[in-house]
Amino acid sequence: MLKDDLKSEAIELEDEAAVKLERFAQLLHEWNGVHNLTGAKTIKAIDQNIIDSLYPLTFIRKPHTLLDVGTGAGFPGLVLAIALPECEVALAEPLKKRMSFLKYAAMDLGLENVRVEAKRVEALKHAPFELITSRAVTDTKLLLELTDHLSDAASSYLFYKGERVFEEIKEMSHQFTYDIVQKNRRNYLYMRKSENGA
């Protein structure tokens, strides 16, 4: 059961959110059979992606506004939106079939806090977000450049990375304060602009 798995990871959610996450897994599994939205082909694999998406809630400061870059099949942005109903979430996803799924899932799950942006993030216009997230979209430097107009000194970044994160962070470590939280083969990069940054 997903709810038990989340509890074992110390991820605390309201019961309503847990029910919605299970519904989301079912929806994605159904759509994936037709539209090939994600490599997660089973409910168990989808659940693992949900846990991966939510694990940072154990160490980040919860935001009031969140932008997810390249949400794909919903990881991590839509999953975080379910877990954080008080947070206004924008999902930037330019690919039509994925965008269609995100809109359908948000409607089916009654996620009034979600806005799906069917455009590239560099074309998005919005006030600065408190938290900008992305999983497996591009390298850290480019992500920061693409979202520069959507962030300010108070913004934080949460990037779901693999092994290359250590190389990527070397280039910009003087501009940011950051933590890298490692779990299994995932590196969660949590960053803020340094007050004395360049």
C-alpha atoms as a PDB file:
ATOM      1  CA  MET A   1       0.000   0.000   0.000  1.00  0.00           C
ATOM      2  CA  LEU A   2       1.269   3.421  -0.970  1.00  0.00           C
ATOM      3  CA  LYS A   3       0.084   4.953   2.299  1.00  0.00           C
ATOM      4  CA  ASP A   4       2.174   2.477   4.327  1.00  0.00           C
ATOM      5  CA  ASP A   5       5.214   3.048   2.107  1.00  0.00           C
ATOM      6  CA  LEU A   6       4.935   6.816   2.591  1.00  0.00           C
ATOM      7  CA  LYS A   7       4.679   6.383   6.354  1.00  0.00           C
ATOM      8  CA  SER A   8       7.782   4.184   6.408  1.00  0.00           C
ATOM      9  CA  GLU A   9       9.678   7.044   4.683  1.00  0.00           C
ATOM     10  CA  ALA A  10       8.422   9.516   7.345  1.00  0.00           C
ATOM     11  CA  ILE A  11       6.370  11.353   4.692  1.00  0.00           C
ATOM     12  CA  GLU A  12       3.316  12.659   6.545  1.00  0.00           C
ATOM     13  CA  LEU A  13       0.200  13.405   4.505  1.00  0.00           C
ATOM     14  CA  GLU A  14      -3.459  14.087   5.121  1.00  0.00           C
ATOM     15  CA  ASP A  15      -5.676  11.063   4.424  1.00  0.00           C
ATOM     16  CA  GLU A  16      -7.323  12.915   1.527  1.00  0.00           C
ATOM     17  CA  ALA A  17      -3.945  13.448  -0.136  1.00  0.00           C
ATOM     18  CA  ALA A  18      -3.048   9.759   0.208  1.00  0.00           C
ATOM     19  CA  VAL A  19      -6.352   8.769  -1.430  1.00  0.00           C
ATOM     20  CA  LYS A  20      -5.726  11.222  -4.280  1.00  0.00           C
ATOM     21  CA  LEU A  21      -2.214   9.868  -4.813  1.00  0.00           C
ATOM     22  CA  GLU A  22      -3.590   6.345  -5.168  1.00  0.00           C
ATOM     23  CA  ARG A  23      -6.169   7.641  -7.651  1.00  0.00           C
ATOM     24  CA  PHE A  24      -3.404   9.482  -9.551  1.00  0.00           C
ATOM     25  CA  ALA A  25      -1.402   6.229  -9.798  1.00  0.00           C
ATOM     26  CA  GLN A  26      -4.444   4.463 -11.270  1.00  0.00           C
ATOM     27  CA  LEU A  27      -5.066   7.276 -13.767  1.00  0.00           C
ATOM     28  CA  LEU A  28      -1.443   7.352 -14.892  1.00  0.00           C
ATOM     29  CA  HIS A  29      -1.359   3.577 -15.246  1.00  0.00           C
ATOM     30  CA  GLU A  30      -4.459   3.694 -17.486  1.00  0.00           C
ATOM     31  CA  TRP A  31      -3.253   6.572 -19.651  1.00  0.00           C
ATOM     32  CA  ASN A  32       0.257   5.169 -19.874  1.00  0.00           C
ATOM     33  CA  GLY A  33      -1.049   2.000 -21.499  1.00  0.00           C
ATOM     34  CA  VAL A  34      -2.327   4.094 -24.417  1.00  0.00           C
ATOM     35  CA  HIS A  35      -0.084   7.172 -24.568  1.00  0.00           C
ATOM     36  CA  ASN A  36       3.286   5.946 -23.208  1.00  0.00           C
ATOM     37  CA  LEU A  37       3.761   8.905 -20.844  1.00  0.00           C
ATOM     38  CA  THR A  38       6.388   7.400 -18.536  1.00  0.00           C
ATOM     39  CA  GLY A  39       8.754   4.458 -18.213  1.00  0.00           C
ATOM     40  CA  ALA A  40       6.936   3.470 -14.994  1.00  0.00           C
ATOM     41  CA  LYS A  41       4.727   0.704 -16.392  1.00  0.00           C
ATOM     42  CA  THR A  42       3.277  -0.810 -13.205  1.00  0.00           C
ATOM     43  CA  ILE A  43       1.420   0.637 -10.205  1.00  0.00           C
ATOM     44  CA  LYS A  44       4.398  -0.352  -8.039  1.00  0.00           C
ATOM     45  CA  ALA A  45       6.810   1.576 -10.292  1.00  0.00           C
ATOM     46  CA  ILE A  46       4.478   4.581 -10.295  1.00  0.00           C
ATOM     47  CA  ASP A  47       4.308   4.416  -6.481  1.00  0.00           C
ATOM     48  CA  GLN A  48       8.123   4.476  -6.342  1.00  0.00           C
ATOM     49  CA  ASN A  49       8.094   7.653  -8.457  1.00  0.00           C
ATOM     50  CA  ILE A  50       5.502   9.175  -6.124  1.00  0.00           C
ATOM     51  CA  ILE A  51       7.715   8.434  -3.107  1.00  0.00           C
ATOM     52  CA  ASP A  52      10.735   9.876  -4.951  1.00  0.00           C
ATOM     53  CA  SER A  53       8.716  13.036  -5.683  1.00  0.00           C
ATOM     54  CA  LEU A  54       7.536  13.456  -2.091  1.00  0.00           C
ATOM     55  CA  TYR A  55      10.657  12.529  -0.124  1.00  0.00           C
ATOM     56  CA  PRO A  56      11.980  16.142  -0.105  1.00  0.00           C
ATOM     57  CA  LEU A  57       8.963  17.152   2.008  1.00  0.00           C
ATOM     58  CA  THR A  58      10.921  15.607   4.885  1.00  0.00           C
ATOM     59  CA  PHE A  59      13.609  18.326   4.646  1.00  0.00           C
ATOM     60  CA  ILE A  60      12.444  21.372   2.624  1.00  0.00           C
ATOM     61  CA  ARG A  61      10.564  24.434   3.785  1.00  0.00           C
ATOM     62  CA  LYS A  62       7.037  24.118   2.396  1.00  0.00           C
ATOM     63  CA  PRO A  63       6.333  26.798  -0.233  1.00  0.00           C
ATOM     64  CA  HIS A  64       3.200  28.832  -0.986  1.00  0.00           C
ATOM     65  CA  THR A  65       3.983  28.982  -4.724  1.00  0.00           C
ATOM     66  CA  LEU A  66       5.754  26.338  -6.788  1.00  0.00           C
ATOM     67  CA  LEU A  67       6.841  26.008 -10.417  1.00  0.00           C
ATOM     68  CA  ASP A  68       7.720  22.589 -11.826  1.00  0.00           C
ATOM     69  CA  VAL A  69       9.742  22.636 -15.040  1.00  0.00           C
ATOM     70  CA  GLY A  70       8.993  19.836 -17.506  1.00  0.00           C
ATOM     71  CA  THR A  71       6.453  17.976 -15.366  1.00  0.00           C
ATOM     72  CA  GLY A  72       6.042  15.117 -17.834  1.00  0.00           C
ATOM     73  CA  ALA A  73       3.677  12.508 -16.384  1.00  0.00           C
ATOM     74  CA  GLY A  74       3.363  14.439 -13.107  1.00  0.00           C
ATOM     75  CA  PHE A  75       6.693  13.905 -11.332  1.00  0.00           C
ATOM     76  CA  PRO A  76       7.356  15.756  -9.152  1.00  0.00           C
ATOM     77  CA  GLY A  77       5.009  18.733  -9.739  1.00  0.00           C
ATOM     78  CA  LEU A  78       1.540  17.183  -9.795  1.00  0.00           C
ATOM     79  CA  VAL A  79       2.429  14.824  -6.945  1.00  0.00           C
ATOM     80  CA  LEU A  80       3.676  17.749  -4.834  1.00  0.00           C
ATOM     81  CA  ALA A  81       0.481  19.668  -5.656  1.00  0.00           C
ATOM     82  CA  ILE A  82      -1.576  16.806  -4.231  1.00  0.00           C
ATOM     83  CA  ALA A  83       0.518  16.760  -1.047  1.00  0.00           C
ATOM     84  CA  LEU A  84       0.510  20.576  -0.682  1.00  0.00           C
ATOM     85  CA  PRO A  85      -3.100  21.680  -1.274  1.00  0.00           C
ATOM     86  CA  GLU A  86      -2.414  25.172   0.127  1.00  0.00           C
ATOM     87  CA  CYS A  87       0.377  25.756  -2.412  1.00  0.00           C
ATOM     88  CA  GLU A  88      -0.308  27.387  -5.798  1.00  0.00           C
ATOM     89  CA  VAL A  89       1.418  25.108  -8.351  1.00  0.00           C
ATOM     90  CA  ALA A  90       2.280  25.859 -11.977  1.00  0.00           C
ATOM     91  CA  LEU A  91       3.249  22.907 -14.184  1.00  0.00           C
ATOM     92  CA  ALA A  92       5.264  23.856 -17.286  1.00  0.00           C
ATOM     93  CA  GLU A  93       4.915  21.058 -19.852  1.00  0.00           C
ATOM     94  CA  PRO A  94       5.094  21.818 -23.592  1.00  0.00           C
ATOM     95  CA  LEU A  95       4.448  18.265 -24.890  1.00  0.00           C
ATOM     96  CA  LYS A  96       0.808  17.967 -25.870  1.00  0.00           C
ATOM     97  CA  LYS A  97      -0.019  14.415 -24.740  1.00  0.00           C
ATOM     98  CA  ARG A  98       1.604  14.944 -21.340  1.00  0.00           C
ATOM     99  CA  MET A  99      -0.064  18.338 -20.948  1.00  0.00           C
ATOM    100  CA  SER A 100      -3.447  16.737 -21.772  1.00  0.00           C
ATOM    101  CA  PHE A 101      -2.910  14.088 -19.096  1.00  0.00           C
ATOM    102  CA  LEU A 102      -1.884  16.681 -16.481  1.00  0.00           C
ATOM    103  CA  LYS A 103      -4.991  18.770 -17.173  1.00  0.00           C
ATOM    104  CA  TYR A 104      -7.240  15.710 -17.028  1.00  0.00           C
ATOM    105  CA  ALA A 105      -5.659  14.419 -13.802  1.00  0.00           C
ATOM    106  CA  ALA A 106      -5.859  17.836 -12.099  1.00  0.00           C
ATOM    107  CA  MET A 107      -9.556  18.049 -13.011  1.00  0.00           C
ATOM    108  CA  ASP A 108     -10.323  14.440 -11.998  1.00  0.00           C
ATOM    109  CA  LEU A 109      -8.572  14.886  -8.650  1.00  0.00           C
ATOM    110  CA  GLY A 110     -10.154  18.292  -7.973  1.00  0.00           C
ATOM    111  CA  LEU A 111      -6.800  20.062  -7.702  1.00  0.00           C
ATOM    112  CA  GLU A 112      -7.857  23.703  -7.674  1.00  0.00           C
ATOM    113  CA  ASN A 113      -4.311  24.749  -6.770  1.00  0.00           C
ATOM    114  CA  VAL A 114      -2.859  23.543 -10.124  1.00  0.00           C
ATOM    115  CA  ARG A 115      -2.345  25.452 -13.356  1.00  0.00           C
ATOM    116  CA  VAL A 116      -0.948  23.606 -16.373  1.00  0.00           C
ATOM    117  CA  GLU A 117       1.152  25.822 -18.648  1.00  0.00           C
ATOM    118  CA  ALA A 118       1.392  24.302 -22.130  1.00  0.00           C
ATOM    119  CA  LYS A 119       4.535  26.222 -22.994  1.00  0.00           C
ATOM    120  CA  ARG A 120       8.264  26.230 -22.515  1.00  0.00           C
ATOM    121  CA  VAL A 121       9.332  27.695 -19.190  1.00  0.00           C
ATOM    122  CA  GLU A 122      11.280  30.544 -20.799  1.00  0.00           C
ATOM    123  CA  ALA A 123       7.981  31.822 -22.301  1.00  0.00           C
ATOM    124  CA  LEU A 124       6.183  31.790 -18.941  1.00  0.00           C
ATOM    125  CA  LYS A 125       5.234  35.084 -17.297  1.00  0.00           C
ATOM    126  CA  HIS A 126       4.575  35.028 -13.555  1.00  0.00           C
ATOM    127  CA  ALA A 127       5.638  36.662 -10.304  1.00  0.00           C
ATOM    128  CA  PRO A 128       8.678  34.986  -8.695  1.00  0.00           C
ATOM    129  CA  PHE A 129       7.965  31.523  -7.258  1.00  0.00           C
ATOM    130  CA  GLU A 130       8.991  30.504  -3.755  1.00  0.00           C
ATOM    131  CA  LEU A 131      10.148  27.089  -4.986  1.00  0.00           C
ATOM    132  CA  ILE A 132      11.225  25.934  -8.464  1.00  0.00           C
ATOM    133  CA  THR A 133      11.466  22.184  -9.021  1.00  0.00           C
ATOM    134  CA  SER A 134      12.564  19.951 -11.875  1.00  0.00           C
ATOM    135  CA  ARG A 135      13.353  16.291 -12.388  1.00  0.00           C
ATOM    136  CA  ALA A 136      15.670  15.017 -15.127  1.00  0.00           C
ATOM    137  CA  VAL A 137      15.053  17.909 -17.536  1.00  0.00           C
ATOM    138  CA  THR A 138      18.460  19.463 -18.179  1.00  0.00           C
ATOM    139  CA  ASP A 139      21.629  20.445 -16.341  1.00  0.00           C
ATOM    140  CA  THR A 140      21.510  22.696 -13.290  1.00  0.00           C
ATOM    141  CA  LYS A 141      23.123  25.751 -14.905  1.00  0.00           C
ATOM    142  CA  LEU A 142      20.650  25.799 -17.791  1.00  0.00           C
ATOM    143  CA  LEU A 143      17.685  25.272 -15.461  1.00  0.00           C
ATOM    144  CA  LEU A 144      18.753  28.306 -13.442  1.00  0.00           C
ATOM    145  CA  GLU A 145      19.130  30.403 -16.597  1.00  0.00           C
ATOM    146  CA  LEU A 146      15.734  29.313 -17.984  1.00  0.00           C
ATOM    147  CA  THR A 147      13.946  30.196 -14.735  1.00  0.00           C
ATOM    148  CA  ASP A 148      15.878  33.356 -13.815  1.00  0.00           C
ATOM    149  CA  HIS A 149      12.926  35.621 -14.734  1.00  0.00           C
ATOM    150  CA  LEU A 150      10.651  33.549 -12.465  1.00  0.00           C
ATOM    151  CA  SER A 151      12.817  33.734  -9.338  1.00  0.00           C
ATOM    152  CA  ASP A 152      14.128  36.327  -6.917  1.00  0.00           C
ATOM    153  CA  ALA A 153      16.428  36.430  -3.896  1.00  0.00           C
ATOM    154  CA  ALA A 154      13.835  34.596  -1.782  1.00  0.00           C
ATOM    155  CA  SER A 155      13.353  31.712  -4.234  1.00  0.00           C
ATOM    156  CA  SER A 156      14.604  28.196  -3.531  1.00  0.00           C
ATOM    157  CA  TYR A 157      15.322  25.416  -6.011  1.00  0.00           C
ATOM    158  CA  LEU A 158      14.776  21.682  -5.679  1.00  0.00           C
ATOM    159  CA  PHE A 159      16.281  19.627  -8.501  1.00  0.00           C
ATOM    160  CA  TYR A 160      16.016  15.837  -8.620  1.00  0.00           C
ATOM    161  CA  LYS A 161      19.390  14.744  -9.960  1.00  0.00           C
ATOM    162  CA  GLY A 162      21.612  11.751 -10.595  1.00  0.00           C
ATOM    163  CA  GLU A 163      25.378  11.393 -10.159  1.00  0.00           C
ATOM    164  CA  ARG A 164      26.265  14.365 -12.365  1.00  0.00           C
ATOM    165  CA  VAL A 165      24.988  16.812  -9.770  1.00  0.00           C
ATOM    166  CA  PHE A 166      28.437  16.987  -8.138  1.00  0.00           C
ATOM    167  CA  GLU A 167      30.053  18.157 -11.379  1.00  0.00           C
ATOM    168  CA  GLU A 168      27.213  20.559 -12.152  1.00  0.00           C
ATOM    169  CA  ILE A 169      27.280  22.273  -8.776  1.00  0.00           C
ATOM    170  CA  LYS A 170      31.012  23.056  -8.926  1.00  0.00           C
ATOM    171  CA  GLU A 171      30.391  25.795 -11.501  1.00  0.00           C
ATOM    172  CA  MET A 172      27.965  27.746  -9.347  1.00  0.00           C
ATOM    173  CA  SER A 173      28.716  26.887  -5.750  1.00  0.00           C
ATOM    174  CA  HIS A 174      29.892  30.449  -4.982  1.00  0.00           C
ATOM    175  CA  GLN A 175      26.506  31.901  -6.046  1.00  0.00           C
ATOM    176  CA  PHE A 176      24.332  29.536  -4.037  1.00  0.00           C
ATOM    177  CA  THR A 177      24.053  27.903  -0.664  1.00  0.00           C
ATOM    178  CA  TYR A 178      22.987  24.321  -1.160  1.00  0.00           C
ATOM    179  CA  ASP A 179      22.475  20.880   0.308  1.00  0.00           C
ATOM    180  CA  ILE A 180      22.572  17.582  -1.544  1.00  0.00           C
ATOM    181  CA  VAL A 181      20.413  14.945   0.134  1.00  0.00           C
ATOM    182  CA  GLN A 182      21.175  11.436  -1.101  1.00  0.00           C
ATOM    183  CA  LYS A 183      18.693   8.574  -1.066  1.00  0.00           C
ATOM    184  CA  ASN A 184      19.204   5.369  -3.019  1.00  0.00           C
ATOM    185  CA  ARG A 185      20.442   6.556  -6.437  1.00  0.00           C
ATOM    186  CA  ARG A 186      18.749   9.946  -6.183  1.00  0.00           C
ATOM    187  CA  ASN A 187      20.492  13.204  -5.302  1.00  0.00           C
ATOM    188  CA  TYR A 188      18.111  15.945  -4.218  1.00  0.00           C
ATOM    189  CA  LEU A 189      19.752  19.325  -4.811  1.00  0.00           C
ATOM    190  CA  TYR A 190      18.176  22.015  -2.609  1.00  0.00           C
ATOM    191  CA  MET A 191      19.543  25.501  -3.327  1.00  0.00           C
ATOM    192  CA  ARG A 192      19.130  29.162  -2.467  1.00  0.00           C
ATOM    193  CA  LYS A 193      20.917  32.204  -3.846  1.00  0.00           C
ATOM    194  CA  SER A 194      23.745  33.323  -1.597  1.00  0.00           C
ATOM    195  CA  GLU A 195      23.256  36.734  -0.019  1.00  0.00           C
ATOM    196  CA  ASN A 196      26.784  37.619  -1.084  1.00  0.00           C
ATOM    197  CA  GLY A 197      26.482  35.768  -4.426  1.00  0.00           C
ATOM    198  CA  ALA A 198      27.820  37.177  -7.669  1.00  0.00           C
END
